[in-house]
Amino acid sequence: MVSGDSSLSLQQRMEDAGFDNIVVTPMGSDKVFLYRSGGGDMWQVIQEALDFFSMLFSDIHKWTKHDEIYERGAWLRVYSTPIHAWNEVFFKLCVSDYGRFIRSDECTVDKARLDFARILISTTILEVVNVTSEVLVDDFKYLIKLVEEWGCNLGEDAFMTEEELENKAETCSIRNEVPEMDEFRGDMDNLVDELSKDW
């Protein structure tokens, strides 16, 4: 079963909804395994409260052998992105050789900073991703650098840490310090759109 939230917040949501006997167990990346602590048919519980579970999970299915493939979450920083190519489609292409695109962080979507983009992927690669690749955008070659954010442990699973909120606060702190930033960001969005059209 796949989810976009951390397993800790999912466990709390289960309990808040009255499902005290459902245990959320992380399986790596954005996958979790659900079971009833006292035993019983978990699938029946899901079917009876399908609307609730559909709000939390993007894919709900019974466990299969395919679910044994280990994946982990990794935040990648994408450096040297041409401004006129700054969009989710481009980022999906950049990370496709290294994992499954999950989402961009808020600063990347809002274009609050343009020195690098932060992209969350689900990957089977256990080594830290640190690669440079050449991409062709509108007949020009660009060198794009992908660098994984990581802590003390190699192969760390970004879905199992609470660092995302801290990183978001650090990387977006300029938005809180400068009151005129919203007006500037609107101008920046217009500039990026115009550059994109010109290219």
N, C-alpha and C. Protein backbone atom coordinates (compact mmCIF):
# COMPACT_ATOMS: atom_id res chain seq x y z
N MET A 1 0.85 -1.17 0.00
CA MET A 1 0.00 0.00 0.00
C MET A 1 0.88 1.22 0.00
N VAL A 2 0.57 2.17 -0.81
CA VAL A 2 1.45 3.30 -1.01
C VAL A 2 0.82 4.56 -0.45
N SER A 3 1.65 5.39 0.15
CA SER A 3 1.16 6.63 0.73
C SER A 3 2.14 7.75 0.52
N GLY A 4 1.64 8.97 0.63
CA GLY A 4 2.51 10.13 0.53
C GLY A 4 2.96 10.65 1.88
N ASP A 5 2.40 10.18 2.97
CA ASP A 5 2.75 10.66 4.31
C ASP A 5 3.74 9.72 4.96
N SER A 6 4.41 10.21 6.01
CA SER A 6 5.29 9.34 6.78
C SER A 6 4.43 8.37 7.57
N SER A 7 5.02 7.21 7.90
CA SER A 7 4.25 6.19 8.61
C SER A 7 3.83 6.66 10.00
N LEU A 8 4.62 7.55 10.61
CA LEU A 8 4.25 8.05 11.94
C LEU A 8 2.97 8.88 11.88
N SER A 9 2.86 9.77 10.91
CA SER A 9 1.65 10.58 10.81
C SER A 9 0.47 9.72 10.37
N LEU A 10 0.72 8.70 9.54
CA LEU A 10 -0.36 7.79 9.14
C LEU A 10 -0.89 7.02 10.34
N GLN A 11 0.01 6.56 11.21
CA GLN A 11 -0.41 5.83 12.41
C GLN A 11 -1.31 6.71 13.27
N GLN A 12 -0.92 7.98 13.41
CA GLN A 12 -1.72 8.91 14.20
C GLN A 12 -3.09 9.14 13.57
N ARG A 13 -3.12 9.26 12.24
CA ARG A 13 -4.40 9.46 11.55
C ARG A 13 -5.31 8.26 11.72
N MET A 14 -4.75 7.07 11.70
CA MET A 14 -5.54 5.85 11.92
C MET A 14 -6.19 5.89 13.30
N GLU A 15 -5.38 6.21 14.30
CA GLU A 15 -5.89 6.25 15.67
C GLU A 15 -6.92 7.37 15.83
N ASP A 16 -6.67 8.51 15.22
CA ASP A 16 -7.62 9.62 15.29
C ASP A 16 -8.97 9.26 14.67
N ALA A 17 -8.95 8.39 13.66
CA ALA A 17 -10.19 7.98 12.99
C ALA A 17 -10.86 6.80 13.69
N GLY A 18 -10.27 6.34 14.81
CA GLY A 18 -10.88 5.25 15.57
C GLY A 18 -10.38 3.87 15.21
N PHE A 19 -9.38 3.77 14.36
CA PHE A 19 -8.80 2.47 13.99
C PHE A 19 -7.60 2.18 14.88
N ASP A 20 -7.87 1.97 16.18
CA ASP A 20 -6.79 1.76 17.16
C ASP A 20 -6.04 0.45 16.95
N ASN A 21 -6.68 -0.52 16.32
CA ASN A 21 -6.04 -1.84 16.19
C ASN A 21 -5.32 -2.01 14.84
N ILE A 22 -5.23 -0.95 14.02
CA ILE A 22 -4.52 -1.04 12.75
C ILE A 22 -3.10 -0.51 12.95
N VAL A 23 -2.13 -1.33 12.52
CA VAL A 23 -0.72 -0.97 12.66
C VAL A 23 -0.17 -0.61 11.28
N VAL A 24 0.51 0.53 11.20
CA VAL A 24 1.14 1.00 9.96
C VAL A 24 2.63 0.69 10.07
N THR A 25 3.13 -0.20 9.20
CA THR A 25 4.52 -0.60 9.23
C THR A 25 5.21 -0.15 7.94
N PRO A 26 6.28 0.66 8.06
CA PRO A 26 6.98 1.11 6.86
C PRO A 26 7.66 -0.05 6.13
N MET A 27 7.64 0.03 4.79
CA MET A 27 8.31 -0.98 3.95
C MET A 27 9.41 -0.36 3.11
N GLY A 28 9.76 0.90 3.38
CA GLY A 28 10.75 1.61 2.58
C GLY A 28 10.06 2.51 1.59
N SER A 29 10.67 3.63 1.32
CA SER A 29 10.14 4.61 0.38
C SER A 29 8.76 5.06 0.86
N ASP A 30 7.78 5.09 -0.06
CA ASP A 30 6.45 5.56 0.30
C ASP A 30 5.48 4.40 0.48
N LYS A 31 6.02 3.21 0.73
CA LYS A 31 5.17 2.03 0.91
C LYS A 31 5.03 1.68 2.39
N VAL A 32 3.82 1.29 2.75
CA VAL A 32 3.58 0.81 4.12
C VAL A 32 2.75 -0.47 4.05
N PHE A 33 2.85 -1.25 5.10
CA PHE A 33 2.08 -2.47 5.23
C PHE A 33 1.10 -2.26 6.38
N LEU A 34 -0.19 -2.54 6.16
CA LEU A 34 -1.20 -2.38 7.20
C LEU A 34 -1.67 -3.75 7.66
N TYR A 35 -1.82 -3.90 8.97
CA TYR A 35 -2.41 -5.11 9.51
C TYR A 35 -3.13 -4.79 10.81
N ARG A 36 -4.02 -5.70 11.21
CA ARG A 36 -4.77 -5.52 12.46
C ARG A 36 -4.02 -6.21 13.58
N SER A 37 -3.77 -5.48 14.66
CA SER A 37 -2.97 -6.02 15.77
C SER A 37 -3.62 -7.22 16.44
N GLY A 38 -4.94 -7.28 16.48
CA GLY A 38 -5.61 -8.41 17.11
C GLY A 38 -5.95 -9.51 16.12
N GLY A 39 -5.43 -9.40 14.90
CA GLY A 39 -5.78 -10.36 13.86
C GLY A 39 -7.06 -9.92 13.17
N GLY A 40 -7.51 -10.68 12.24
CA GLY A 40 -8.73 -10.35 11.51
C GLY A 40 -8.44 -9.92 10.09
N ASP A 41 -9.48 -9.73 9.33
CA ASP A 41 -9.37 -9.45 7.91
C ASP A 41 -9.18 -7.96 7.66
N MET A 42 -7.95 -7.56 7.36
CA MET A 42 -7.63 -6.15 7.09
C MET A 42 -8.30 -5.67 5.82
N TRP A 43 -8.38 -6.54 4.81
CA TRP A 43 -8.97 -6.16 3.53
C TRP A 43 -10.44 -5.78 3.69
N GLN A 44 -11.14 -6.48 4.56
CA GLN A 44 -12.56 -6.18 4.81
C GLN A 44 -12.70 -4.80 5.45
N VAL A 45 -11.81 -4.47 6.39
CA VAL A 45 -11.84 -3.15 7.02
C VAL A 45 -11.62 -2.06 5.97
N ILE A 46 -10.67 -2.29 5.07
CA ILE A 46 -10.40 -1.31 4.02
C ILE A 46 -11.62 -1.13 3.12
N GLN A 47 -12.25 -2.24 2.73
CA GLN A 47 -13.41 -2.15 1.85
C GLN A 47 -14.57 -1.41 2.51
N GLU A 48 -14.74 -1.60 3.82
CA GLU A 48 -15.84 -0.94 4.54
C GLU A 48 -15.59 0.55 4.73
N ALA A 49 -14.31 0.97 4.74
CA ALA A 49 -13.98 2.39 4.93
C ALA A 49 -13.12 2.88 3.77
N LEU A 50 -13.47 2.50 2.57
CA LEU A 50 -12.66 2.78 1.38
C LEU A 50 -12.46 4.28 1.16
N ASP A 51 -13.49 5.09 1.42
CA ASP A 51 -13.35 6.54 1.25
C ASP A 51 -12.25 7.10 2.14
N PHE A 52 -12.19 6.64 3.39
CA PHE A 52 -11.18 7.10 4.33
C PHE A 52 -9.78 6.68 3.86
N PHE A 53 -9.62 5.41 3.52
CA PHE A 53 -8.31 4.90 3.13
C PHE A 53 -7.85 5.51 1.79
N SER A 54 -8.78 5.83 0.92
CA SER A 54 -8.42 6.44 -0.37
C SER A 54 -7.89 7.86 -0.20
N MET A 55 -8.27 8.52 0.89
CA MET A 55 -7.73 9.85 1.15
C MET A 55 -6.26 9.78 1.58
N LEU A 56 -5.85 8.67 2.18
CA LEU A 56 -4.50 8.54 2.69
C LEU A 56 -3.54 7.85 1.73
N PHE A 57 -4.07 6.97 0.89
CA PHE A 57 -3.21 6.14 0.05
C PHE A 57 -3.54 6.32 -1.42
N SER A 58 -2.48 6.43 -2.24
CA SER A 58 -2.68 6.57 -3.69
C SER A 58 -2.89 5.22 -4.36
N ASP A 59 -2.43 4.14 -3.74
CA ASP A 59 -2.59 2.80 -4.30
C ASP A 59 -2.84 1.84 -3.14
N ILE A 60 -3.96 1.16 -3.17
CA ILE A 60 -4.29 0.20 -2.12
C ILE A 60 -4.45 -1.16 -2.78
N HIS A 61 -3.66 -2.13 -2.32
CA HIS A 61 -3.78 -3.48 -2.87
C HIS A 61 -3.31 -4.50 -1.84
N LYS A 62 -3.71 -5.74 -2.04
CA LYS A 62 -3.23 -6.81 -1.18
C LYS A 62 -1.75 -7.04 -1.47
N TRP A 63 -1.03 -7.47 -0.45
CA TRP A 63 0.40 -7.69 -0.57
C TRP A 63 0.68 -8.75 -1.63
N THR A 64 1.71 -8.50 -2.45
CA THR A 64 2.17 -9.47 -3.45
C THR A 64 3.69 -9.60 -3.32
N LYS A 65 4.26 -10.58 -4.00
CA LYS A 65 5.72 -10.77 -3.98
C LYS A 65 6.44 -9.56 -4.58
N HIS A 66 5.79 -8.87 -5.51
CA HIS A 66 6.39 -7.68 -6.11
C HIS A 66 6.66 -6.61 -5.05
N ASP A 67 5.88 -6.60 -3.98
CA ASP A 67 6.05 -5.61 -2.92
C ASP A 67 7.31 -5.84 -2.09
N GLU A 68 8.00 -6.96 -2.31
CA GLU A 68 9.24 -7.24 -1.57
C GLU A 68 10.42 -6.44 -2.10
N ILE A 69 10.30 -5.85 -3.30
CA ILE A 69 11.41 -5.07 -3.87
C ILE A 69 11.61 -3.84 -3.00
N TYR A 70 12.83 -3.69 -2.49
CA TYR A 70 13.12 -2.58 -1.57
C TYR A 70 13.30 -1.29 -2.34
N GLU A 71 12.64 -0.25 -1.87
CA GLU A 71 12.85 1.10 -2.37
C GLU A 71 13.02 2.01 -1.17
N ARG A 72 13.69 3.10 -1.39
CA ARG A 72 13.85 4.11 -0.33
C ARG A 72 13.57 5.47 -0.92
N GLY A 73 13.21 6.41 -0.08
CA GLY A 73 12.99 7.77 -0.52
C GLY A 73 14.29 8.55 -0.48
N ALA A 74 14.50 9.41 -1.46
CA ALA A 74 15.70 10.24 -1.51
C ALA A 74 15.36 11.61 -2.05
N TRP A 75 15.84 12.63 -1.37
CA TRP A 75 15.71 14.00 -1.88
C TRP A 75 16.91 14.28 -2.76
N LEU A 76 16.66 14.65 -4.02
CA LEU A 76 17.73 15.02 -4.93
C LEU A 76 17.69 16.52 -5.17
N ARG A 77 18.87 17.12 -5.18
CA ARG A 77 18.98 18.51 -5.60
C ARG A 77 19.38 18.50 -7.07
N VAL A 78 18.67 19.26 -7.87
CA VAL A 78 18.95 19.35 -9.30
C VAL A 78 19.54 20.74 -9.55
N TYR A 79 20.86 20.75 -9.91
CA TYR A 79 21.56 22.01 -10.15
C TYR A 79 21.66 22.29 -11.65
N SER A 80 21.76 23.56 -12.00
CA SER A 80 21.98 24.05 -13.37
C SER A 80 20.78 23.84 -14.28
N THR A 81 19.59 23.87 -13.73
CA THR A 81 18.39 23.77 -14.55
C THR A 81 18.18 25.08 -15.30
N PRO A 82 18.07 25.02 -16.64
CA PRO A 82 17.77 26.25 -17.37
C PRO A 82 16.42 26.82 -16.92
N ILE A 83 16.35 28.11 -16.75
CA ILE A 83 15.13 28.73 -16.21
C ILE A 83 13.92 28.43 -17.09
N HIS A 84 14.10 28.43 -18.41
CA HIS A 84 12.97 28.20 -19.30
C HIS A 84 12.52 26.74 -19.30
N ALA A 85 13.29 25.85 -18.64
CA ALA A 85 12.90 24.44 -18.54
C ALA A 85 12.46 24.08 -17.12
N TRP A 86 12.30 25.08 -16.27
CA TRP A 86 11.98 24.85 -14.86
C TRP A 86 10.52 24.43 -14.73
N ASN A 87 10.27 23.13 -14.77
CA ASN A 87 8.91 22.61 -14.61
C ASN A 87 8.99 21.15 -14.22
N GLU A 88 7.87 20.62 -13.77
CA GLU A 88 7.82 19.26 -13.24
C GLU A 88 8.13 18.21 -14.31
N VAL A 89 7.73 18.45 -15.54
CA VAL A 89 8.00 17.50 -16.62
C VAL A 89 9.51 17.35 -16.80
N PHE A 90 10.23 18.47 -16.80
CA PHE A 90 11.68 18.44 -16.95
C PHE A 90 12.33 17.68 -15.79
N PHE A 91 11.88 17.95 -14.56
CA PHE A 91 12.46 17.29 -13.40
C PHE A 91 12.18 15.78 -13.42
N LYS A 92 11.00 15.39 -13.87
CA LYS A 92 10.69 13.97 -13.99
C LYS A 92 11.65 13.29 -14.95
N LEU A 93 11.96 13.95 -16.05
CA LEU A 93 12.93 13.39 -17.01
C LEU A 93 14.32 13.30 -16.40
N CYS A 94 14.72 14.33 -15.64
CA CYS A 94 16.06 14.35 -15.04
C CYS A 94 16.28 13.19 -14.07
N VAL A 95 15.27 12.83 -13.31
CA VAL A 95 15.44 11.81 -12.26
C VAL A 95 15.00 10.42 -12.71
N SER A 96 14.47 10.28 -13.91
CA SER A 96 13.86 9.01 -14.32
C SER A 96 14.84 7.83 -14.33
N ASP A 97 16.14 8.07 -14.57
CA ASP A 97 17.11 6.98 -14.57
C ASP A 97 17.48 6.52 -13.16
N TYR A 98 17.09 7.28 -12.16
CA TYR A 98 17.53 7.00 -10.79
C TYR A 98 16.40 6.61 -9.85
N GLY A 99 15.17 6.78 -10.28
CA GLY A 99 14.06 6.40 -9.43
C GLY A 99 12.74 6.95 -9.93
N ARG A 100 11.72 6.68 -9.15
CA ARG A 100 10.35 7.09 -9.48
C ARG A 100 10.08 8.46 -8.85
N PHE A 101 9.69 9.43 -9.67
CA PHE A 101 9.38 10.77 -9.20
C PHE A 101 8.20 10.71 -8.24
N ILE A 102 8.36 11.34 -7.08
CA ILE A 102 7.26 11.43 -6.10
C ILE A 102 6.67 12.84 -6.14
N ARG A 103 7.52 13.85 -5.90
CA ARG A 103 7.03 15.23 -5.93
C ARG A 103 8.22 16.19 -5.82
N SER A 104 7.94 17.45 -6.14
CA SER A 104 8.89 18.54 -5.93
C SER A 104 8.55 19.19 -4.59
N ASP A 105 9.55 19.79 -3.96
CA ASP A 105 9.24 20.49 -2.71
C ASP A 105 8.56 21.83 -3.01
N GLU A 106 8.03 22.45 -1.99
CA GLU A 106 7.23 23.67 -2.15
C GLU A 106 8.03 24.81 -2.75
N CYS A 107 9.30 24.97 -2.33
CA CYS A 107 10.13 26.05 -2.86
C CYS A 107 10.37 25.87 -4.36
N THR A 108 10.50 24.63 -4.81
CA THR A 108 10.71 24.36 -6.22
C THR A 108 9.46 24.69 -7.02
N VAL A 109 8.32 24.26 -6.52
CA VAL A 109 7.05 24.52 -7.21
C VAL A 109 6.78 26.02 -7.28
N ASP A 110 7.03 26.73 -6.17
CA ASP A 110 6.77 28.17 -6.10
C ASP A 110 7.86 29.01 -6.76
N LYS A 111 8.95 28.36 -7.17
CA LYS A 111 10.12 29.07 -7.73
C LYS A 111 10.64 30.10 -6.73
N ALA A 112 10.62 29.75 -5.46
CA ALA A 112 11.09 30.63 -4.41
C ALA A 112 12.61 30.77 -4.44
N ARG A 113 13.27 29.79 -5.05
CA ARG A 113 14.71 29.85 -5.28
C ARG A 113 14.97 29.13 -6.59
N LEU A 114 15.96 29.61 -7.35
CA LEU A 114 16.24 29.03 -8.66
C LEU A 114 17.67 28.50 -8.77
N ASP A 115 18.41 28.42 -7.64
CA ASP A 115 19.76 27.87 -7.71
C ASP A 115 19.76 26.35 -7.78
N PHE A 116 18.77 25.71 -7.18
CA PHE A 116 18.59 24.26 -7.32
C PHE A 116 17.14 23.91 -7.04
N ALA A 117 16.73 22.78 -7.57
CA ALA A 117 15.38 22.25 -7.31
C ALA A 117 15.53 21.06 -6.37
N ARG A 118 14.54 20.82 -5.52
CA ARG A 118 14.53 19.64 -4.64
C ARG A 118 13.43 18.71 -5.11
N ILE A 119 13.82 17.48 -5.43
CA ILE A 119 12.90 16.49 -5.96
C ILE A 119 12.96 15.23 -5.09
N LEU A 120 11.81 14.76 -4.65
CA LEU A 120 11.75 13.52 -3.87
C LEU A 120 11.48 12.37 -4.83
N ILE A 121 12.35 11.35 -4.76
CA ILE A 121 12.17 10.16 -5.60
C ILE A 121 12.10 8.93 -4.72
N SER A 122 11.60 7.85 -5.30
CA SER A 122 11.65 6.54 -4.68
C SER A 122 12.61 5.72 -5.54
N THR A 123 13.65 5.17 -4.93
CA THR A 123 14.71 4.51 -5.68
C THR A 123 15.11 3.18 -5.07
N THR A 124 15.62 2.28 -5.90
CA THR A 124 16.18 1.02 -5.42
C THR A 124 17.69 1.14 -5.23
N ILE A 125 18.27 2.25 -5.63
CA ILE A 125 19.71 2.49 -5.49
C ILE A 125 20.03 2.73 -4.02
N LEU A 126 20.99 1.97 -3.48
CA LEU A 126 21.36 2.15 -2.08
C LEU A 126 22.50 3.15 -1.90
N GLU A 127 23.30 3.36 -2.95
CA GLU A 127 24.39 4.33 -2.87
C GLU A 127 23.81 5.74 -2.98
N VAL A 128 24.57 6.70 -2.47
CA VAL A 128 24.17 8.10 -2.57
C VAL A 128 24.27 8.53 -4.04
N VAL A 129 23.22 9.16 -4.54
CA VAL A 129 23.19 9.61 -5.93
C VAL A 129 23.99 10.91 -6.05
N ASN A 130 24.96 10.91 -6.95
CA ASN A 130 25.78 12.09 -7.21
C ASN A 130 26.28 11.97 -8.65
N VAL A 131 25.52 12.49 -9.59
CA VAL A 131 25.81 12.29 -11.01
C VAL A 131 25.65 13.60 -11.78
N THR A 132 26.34 13.66 -12.91
CA THR A 132 26.19 14.77 -13.85
C THR A 132 25.77 14.17 -15.17
N SER A 133 24.77 14.77 -15.78
CA SER A 133 24.34 14.28 -17.09
C SER A 133 24.11 15.45 -18.03
N GLU A 134 24.25 15.17 -19.30
CA GLU A 134 24.06 16.19 -20.32
C GLU A 134 22.66 16.08 -20.88
N VAL A 135 21.96 17.20 -20.93
CA VAL A 135 20.60 17.21 -21.49
C VAL A 135 20.52 18.23 -22.61
N LEU A 136 19.66 17.96 -23.55
CA LEU A 136 19.45 18.85 -24.67
C LEU A 136 18.12 19.55 -24.49
N VAL A 137 18.15 20.87 -24.39
CA VAL A 137 16.94 21.68 -24.25
C VAL A 137 16.95 22.72 -25.37
N ASP A 138 15.99 22.63 -26.26
CA ASP A 138 15.89 23.57 -27.38
C ASP A 138 17.21 23.70 -28.14
N ASP A 139 17.80 22.56 -28.47
CA ASP A 139 19.04 22.47 -29.26
C ASP A 139 20.28 23.01 -28.54
N PHE A 140 20.20 23.25 -27.25
CA PHE A 140 21.37 23.63 -26.47
C PHE A 140 21.66 22.54 -25.44
N LYS A 141 22.95 22.25 -25.24
CA LYS A 141 23.35 21.23 -24.26
C LYS A 141 23.60 21.90 -22.91
N TYR A 142 23.07 21.26 -21.88
CA TYR A 142 23.26 21.72 -20.51
C TYR A 142 23.76 20.56 -19.67
N LEU A 143 24.68 20.86 -18.73
CA LEU A 143 25.13 19.85 -17.77
C LEU A 143 24.29 20.01 -16.51
N ILE A 144 23.53 18.97 -16.20
CA ILE A 144 22.66 18.96 -15.02
C ILE A 144 23.32 18.09 -13.96
N LYS A 145 23.40 18.61 -12.76
CA LYS A 145 24.01 17.88 -11.64
C LYS A 145 22.91 17.45 -10.68
N LEU A 146 22.87 16.15 -10.36
CA LEU A 146 21.93 15.59 -9.38
C LEU A 146 22.73 15.17 -8.16
N VAL A 147 22.41 15.74 -7.02
CA VAL A 147 23.11 15.42 -5.78
C VAL A 147 22.09 15.06 -4.72
N GLU A 148 22.26 13.90 -4.13
CA GLU A 148 21.32 13.46 -3.08
C GLU A 148 21.66 14.14 -1.76
N GLU A 149 20.62 14.59 -1.06
CA GLU A 149 20.79 15.09 0.30
C GLU A 149 20.82 13.88 1.22
N TRP A 150 21.83 13.81 2.07
CA TRP A 150 21.90 12.66 2.96
C TRP A 150 22.58 13.05 4.26
N GLY A 151 22.28 12.25 5.27
CA GLY A 151 22.82 12.52 6.60
C GLY A 151 24.00 11.62 6.90
N CYS A 152 23.96 10.98 8.03
CA CYS A 152 25.07 10.15 8.48
C CYS A 152 25.07 8.76 7.84
N ASN A 153 23.92 8.30 7.38
CA ASN A 153 23.81 6.93 6.91
C ASN A 153 23.66 6.87 5.40
N LEU A 154 24.51 6.06 4.76
CA LEU A 154 24.35 5.82 3.34
C LEU A 154 23.06 5.06 3.12
N GLY A 155 22.39 5.34 2.03
CA GLY A 155 21.16 4.64 1.73
C GLY A 155 20.01 4.99 2.66
N GLU A 156 20.09 6.15 3.29
CA GLU A 156 19.05 6.59 4.23
C GLU A 156 17.73 6.78 3.50
N ASP A 157 16.63 6.44 4.16
CA ASP A 157 15.31 6.58 3.56
C ASP A 157 14.69 7.90 3.99
N ALA A 158 14.51 8.82 3.02
CA ALA A 158 13.98 10.15 3.34
C ALA A 158 12.57 10.09 3.89
N PHE A 159 11.83 9.02 3.59
CA PHE A 159 10.47 8.90 4.11
C PHE A 159 10.46 8.58 5.60
N MET A 160 11.60 8.10 6.11
CA MET A 160 11.65 7.70 7.52
C MET A 160 12.20 8.80 8.41
N THR A 161 12.53 9.95 7.86
CA THR A 161 13.07 11.04 8.67
C THR A 161 12.10 12.20 8.69
N GLU A 162 12.23 13.01 9.67
CA GLU A 162 11.39 14.20 9.79
C GLU A 162 12.14 15.44 9.30
N GLU A 163 13.26 15.24 8.56
CA GLU A 163 14.09 16.37 8.14
C GLU A 163 13.41 17.25 7.11
N GLU A 164 12.44 16.73 6.40
CA GLU A 164 11.81 17.51 5.33
C GLU A 164 11.28 18.84 5.85
N LEU A 165 10.61 18.82 7.00
CA LEU A 165 10.05 20.06 7.54
C LEU A 165 11.14 21.04 7.90
N GLU A 166 12.27 20.53 8.48
CA GLU A 166 13.37 21.40 8.83
C GLU A 166 13.99 22.00 7.57
N ASN A 167 14.21 21.16 6.54
CA ASN A 167 14.81 21.64 5.30
C ASN A 167 13.91 22.66 4.63
N LYS A 168 12.60 22.42 4.65
CA LYS A 168 11.67 23.35 4.02
C LYS A 168 11.75 24.70 4.74
N ALA A 169 11.84 24.67 6.07
CA ALA A 169 11.93 25.92 6.83
C ALA A 169 13.23 26.65 6.50
N GLU A 170 14.36 25.90 6.35
CA GLU A 170 15.63 26.53 6.03
C GLU A 170 15.63 27.10 4.63
N THR A 171 15.22 26.32 3.65
CA THR A 171 15.33 26.74 2.26
C THR A 171 14.30 27.80 1.90
N CYS A 172 13.21 27.86 2.61
CA CYS A 172 12.17 28.84 2.30
C CYS A 172 12.19 30.01 3.27
N SER A 173 13.19 30.09 4.14
CA SER A 173 13.18 31.11 5.18
C SER A 173 13.18 32.51 4.61
N ILE A 174 13.73 32.69 3.43
CA ILE A 174 13.75 34.02 2.82
C ILE A 174 12.34 34.55 2.61
N ARG A 175 11.38 33.66 2.41
CA ARG A 175 10.01 34.09 2.18
C ARG A 175 9.42 34.73 3.44
N ASN A 176 9.89 34.31 4.62
CA ASN A 176 9.37 34.88 5.86
C ASN A 176 10.10 36.16 6.24
N GLU A 177 11.34 36.34 5.76
CA GLU A 177 12.13 37.48 6.18
C GLU A 177 11.85 38.73 5.36
N VAL A 178 11.46 38.58 4.11
CA VAL A 178 11.28 39.73 3.22
C VAL A 178 9.80 39.89 2.89
N PRO A 179 9.13 40.90 3.41
CA PRO A 179 7.70 41.05 3.20
C PRO A 179 7.33 41.27 1.74
N GLU A 180 8.24 41.87 0.94
CA GLU A 180 7.94 42.15 -0.46
C GLU A 180 8.17 40.93 -1.35
N MET A 181 8.54 39.79 -0.77
CA MET A 181 8.92 38.61 -1.55
C MET A 181 7.78 38.10 -2.42
N ASP A 182 6.53 38.16 -1.94
CA ASP A 182 5.41 37.67 -2.74
C ASP A 182 5.29 38.45 -4.04
N GLU A 183 5.46 39.78 -3.97
CA GLU A 183 5.40 40.60 -5.17
C GLU A 183 6.56 40.24 -6.11
N PHE A 184 7.76 40.07 -5.54
CA PHE A 184 8.93 39.71 -6.33
C PHE A 184 8.75 38.35 -6.99
N ARG A 185 8.20 37.38 -6.24
CA ARG A 185 8.00 36.04 -6.77
C ARG A 185 7.03 36.07 -7.95
N GLY A 186 6.00 36.92 -7.88
CA GLY A 186 5.07 37.06 -9.00
C GLY A 186 5.79 37.58 -10.23
N ASP A 187 6.69 38.58 -10.03
CA ASP A 187 7.49 39.08 -11.13
C ASP A 187 8.40 37.99 -11.68
N MET A 188 8.97 37.19 -10.78
CA MET A 188 9.86 36.11 -11.20
C MET A 188 9.10 35.07 -12.02
N ASP A 189 7.90 34.72 -11.59
CA ASP A 189 7.08 33.77 -12.35
C ASP A 189 6.81 34.29 -13.76
N ASN A 190 6.48 35.58 -13.85
CA ASN A 190 6.23 36.18 -15.17
C ASN A 190 7.48 36.14 -16.04
N LEU A 191 8.65 36.45 -15.44
CA LEU A 191 9.90 36.42 -16.17
C LEU A 191 10.20 35.02 -16.70
N VAL A 192 10.03 34.02 -15.84
CA VAL A 192 10.29 32.63 -16.25
C VAL A 192 9.34 32.23 -17.36
N ASP A 193 8.08 32.60 -17.25
CA ASP A 193 7.11 32.27 -18.29
C ASP A 193 7.47 32.93 -19.62
N GLU A 194 7.90 34.20 -19.56
CA GLU A 194 8.28 34.90 -20.78
C GLU A 194 9.51 34.26 -21.42
N LEU A 195 10.52 33.91 -20.58
CA LEU A 195 11.72 33.25 -21.11
C LEU A 195 11.36 31.91 -21.74
N SER A 196 10.48 31.21 -21.11
CA SER A 196 10.06 29.90 -21.63
C SER A 196 9.40 30.06 -23.00
N LYS A 197 8.55 31.06 -23.13
CA LYS A 197 7.89 31.30 -24.43
C LYS A 197 8.88 31.71 -25.49
N ASP A 198 9.85 32.57 -25.11
CA ASP A 198 10.85 33.03 -26.08
C ASP A 198 11.70 31.88 -26.59
N TRP A 199 12.04 30.95 -25.70
CA TRP A 199 12.87 29.82 -26.10
C TRP A 199 12.08 28.87 -26.95
